[in-house]
Protein backbone atom coordinates (compact mmCIF):
# COMPACT_ATOMS: atom_id res chain seq x y z
CA MET A 1 7.52 12.73 -13.46
CA SER A 2 9.85 9.76 -14.71
CA ALA A 3 8.58 6.34 -15.55
CA ALA A 4 8.74 3.74 -12.70
CA LEU A 5 7.68 0.15 -12.33
CA VAL A 6 4.02 -0.61 -11.52
CA THR A 7 3.32 -4.04 -11.53
CA THR A 8 1.28 -6.79 -10.15
CA ASP A 9 4.26 -9.30 -10.37
CA ALA A 10 5.86 -9.94 -7.13
CA GLU A 11 8.97 -10.97 -8.43
CA GLN A 12 9.39 -8.32 -10.66
CA PHE A 13 8.89 -6.13 -7.98
CA ALA A 14 11.36 -7.61 -5.91
CA ARG A 15 13.87 -7.57 -8.37
CA ALA A 16 13.32 -3.58 -9.09
CA CYS A 17 13.61 -2.66 -5.22
CA GLY A 18 16.13 -4.97 -4.17
CA PHE A 19 13.74 -6.64 -1.64
CA PRO A 20 14.17 -7.10 1.29
CA VAL A 21 13.94 -3.54 1.64
CA ARG A 22 11.80 -0.86 3.70
CA LEU A 23 8.43 -0.74 2.05
CA LEU A 24 5.35 1.62 2.34
CA GLY A 25 1.96 -0.10 2.20
CA LEU A 26 -0.83 2.34 0.94
CA ASP A 27 -4.74 2.20 1.12
CA ILE A 28 -5.72 4.39 -1.11
CA GLY A 29 -9.39 5.68 -0.96
CA THR A 30 -11.15 8.71 -2.58
CA ARG A 31 -10.67 10.90 0.69
CA THR A 32 -7.72 9.28 2.47
CA ILE A 33 -4.97 7.18 1.90
CA GLY A 34 -3.84 4.86 4.81
CA LEU A 35 -0.12 4.40 5.35
CA ALA A 36 1.71 1.08 6.89
CA THR A 37 5.40 0.51 6.73
CA SER A 38 7.63 -2.53 6.81
CA THR A 39 10.76 -3.54 8.88
CA ALA A 40 14.07 -3.10 6.84
CA ASP A 41 14.35 -6.96 6.49
CA GLY A 42 10.71 -6.84 5.01
CA ARG A 43 9.27 -9.38 7.92
CA PHE A 44 6.59 -7.12 9.86
CA ALA A 45 4.38 -4.38 8.65
CA SER A 46 3.04 -1.69 11.04
CA ALA A 47 0.10 0.74 10.54
CA ARG A 48 1.39 4.29 10.57
CA THR A 49 -1.04 7.23 9.83
CA THR A 50 -3.38 8.31 7.54
CA ILE A 51 -3.11 11.04 4.84
CA ARG A 52 -6.42 13.21 4.21
CA ARG A 53 -6.34 13.64 0.51
CA THR A 54 -6.66 17.41 -0.91
CA ARG A 55 -5.03 17.92 -4.38
CA PRO A 56 -2.84 15.31 -6.13
CA ALA A 57 0.34 17.71 -5.65
CA ALA A 58 -0.47 18.07 -1.98
CA ASP A 59 -0.92 14.27 -1.76
CA LEU A 60 2.24 13.57 -3.44
CA ALA A 61 4.29 16.17 -1.48
CA ALA A 62 2.95 14.41 1.92
CA LEU A 63 3.82 11.09 0.75
CA ALA A 64 7.46 12.18 -0.64
CA ALA A 65 7.99 13.66 2.59
CA PHE A 66 6.93 10.38 4.56
CA VAL A 67 8.98 8.37 1.83
CA ALA A 68 12.28 10.46 2.67
CA ALA A 69 11.73 10.55 6.40
CA GLU A 70 11.13 6.68 6.64
CA ARG A 71 13.84 5.64 3.84
CA ILE A 72 11.41 3.94 1.87
CA CYS A 73 12.36 2.04 -1.33
CA GLY A 74 9.54 0.54 -2.67
CA LEU A 75 5.40 0.79 -2.60
CA VAL A 76 2.61 -1.64 -2.18
CA ALA A 77 -0.68 -0.22 -2.99
CA GLY A 78 -4.11 -1.97 -2.44
CA LEU A 79 -5.62 -2.77 -5.75
CA PRO A 80 -9.57 -2.99 -5.59
CA LEU A 81 -10.84 -5.78 -7.42
CA ARG A 82 -14.18 -7.18 -7.79
CA LEU A 83 -15.12 -10.21 -6.02
CA ASP A 84 -14.81 -12.28 -9.12
CA GLY A 85 -11.33 -10.88 -9.80
CA SER A 86 -12.28 -8.59 -12.49
CA ASP A 87 -11.58 -4.71 -12.76
CA SER A 88 -14.14 -2.01 -11.94
CA PRO A 89 -14.09 1.80 -12.52
CA ARG A 90 -12.56 2.13 -8.97
CA THR A 91 -9.88 -0.36 -9.93
CA GLN A 92 -8.95 1.71 -12.86
CA SER A 93 -8.85 4.80 -10.79
CA ALA A 94 -6.34 2.87 -7.98
CA ARG A 95 -4.15 1.76 -11.27
CA ALA A 96 -4.07 5.49 -12.52
CA THR A 97 -3.39 7.00 -8.99
CA ALA A 98 -0.63 4.23 -8.48
CA ARG A 99 1.02 5.17 -11.51
CA ASN A 100 1.30 8.66 -10.59
CA LEU A 101 2.46 8.00 -7.23
CA ALA A 102 5.19 5.66 -8.57
CA ALA A 103 6.41 8.22 -11.02
CA GLY A 104 6.24 11.19 -8.64
CA LEU A 105 8.05 9.46 -6.09
CA GLY A 106 10.42 7.57 -8.52
CA LEU A 107 9.91 4.35 -6.73
CA PRO A 108 8.80 0.73 -7.87
CA LEU A 109 5.17 -0.07 -6.89
CA LEU A 110 3.33 -3.48 -6.60
CA LEU A 111 -0.23 -3.41 -6.77
CA TRP A 112 -1.82 -5.86 -4.35
CA ASP A 113 -5.16 -7.45 -4.28
CA GLU A 114 -7.08 -5.75 -1.50
CA ARG A 115 -10.62 -7.37 -1.71
CA TRP A 116 -10.91 -8.46 1.72
CA SER A 117 -8.56 -5.93 3.54
CA THR A 118 -11.19 -3.79 5.10
CA ALA A 119 -13.59 -6.42 5.94
CA ALA A 120 -10.75 -8.23 7.68
CA VAL A 121 -9.49 -5.30 9.54
CA GLU A 122 -13.03 -4.28 10.72
CA ARG A 123 -13.89 -7.63 11.95
CA GLU A 124 -10.40 -7.41 13.90
CA MET A 125 -11.64 -4.08 15.39
CA ILE A 126 -15.06 -5.17 16.39
CA ALA A 127 -13.59 -8.21 17.95
CA ALA A 128 -11.28 -5.82 20.05
CA ASP A 129 -14.62 -3.91 20.91
CA LEU A 130 -13.47 -0.56 19.45
CA SER A 131 -16.28 1.76 19.18
CA ARG A 132 -17.42 2.81 15.70
CA ALA A 133 -15.61 6.02 15.98
CA LYS A 134 -12.34 4.59 16.82
CA ARG A 135 -12.76 2.06 13.94
CA ALA A 136 -13.27 4.81 11.43
CA GLU A 137 -10.13 6.59 12.70
CA ARG A 138 -7.94 3.52 12.33
CA VAL A 139 -9.47 1.48 9.43
CA ASP A 140 -7.27 3.00 6.54
CA ARG A 141 -3.97 2.61 8.00
CA LEU A 142 -4.83 -0.64 9.52
CA ALA A 143 -5.91 -1.61 5.98
CA ALA A 144 -2.74 -0.63 4.39
CA ALA A 145 -0.91 -2.70 7.19
CA HIS A 146 -3.05 -5.90 6.18
CA ILE A 147 -2.52 -5.11 2.39
CA LEU A 148 1.46 -4.88 3.05
CA GLU A 149 1.53 -7.94 5.26
CA GLY A 150 -0.11 -10.00 2.56
CA ALA A 151 2.54 -8.48 -0.02
CA LEU A 152 5.46 -9.20 2.53
CA ALA A 153 4.22 -13.01 2.95
CA ARG A 154 4.34 -13.49 -0.99
CA LEU A 155 7.78 -11.37 -1.54
CA ALA A 156 9.37 -13.56 1.42
CA ARG A 157 9.00 -16.58 -1.00
CA VAL A 158 10.51 -14.79 -4.36
CA PRO A 159 13.86 -16.54 -4.91
CA PRO A 160 16.85 -14.48 -4.62
CA ALA A 161 18.35 -12.79 -7.81
CA ALA A 162 21.08 -14.65 -9.19
């Protein structure tokens, strides 16, 4: 595995991946990884699928296949901070997983605050009157899209490289 940029700095990430490009949003959980993709112009995010986690090597292989098929140029992963913005043991685990994914896929990765992503998505699904089973089936990929949308909004404000 080679070193790849992992950052919380949107400007640094945009320079590293040459934004606007096609990005993959990740909602990394202990049992699943929700996936969402952006359009090539970096304007819109779409929920795609959920990968059931098994072993790190198998998870990486599944993501690598998705990245290749979708021509992904950068990653945006949710960073589960505490409500006060501080790190927790879960945050440290997410950072470690993000470093491994960025290195294994050879792509820059932006860590994006995901404190309210799942709650926002749950509220939207409840308002749409989805059953509990349908909400459970979709929450991870919709949370990935929510995370990616937030990052895209910030990345759109990054001044172009000189």
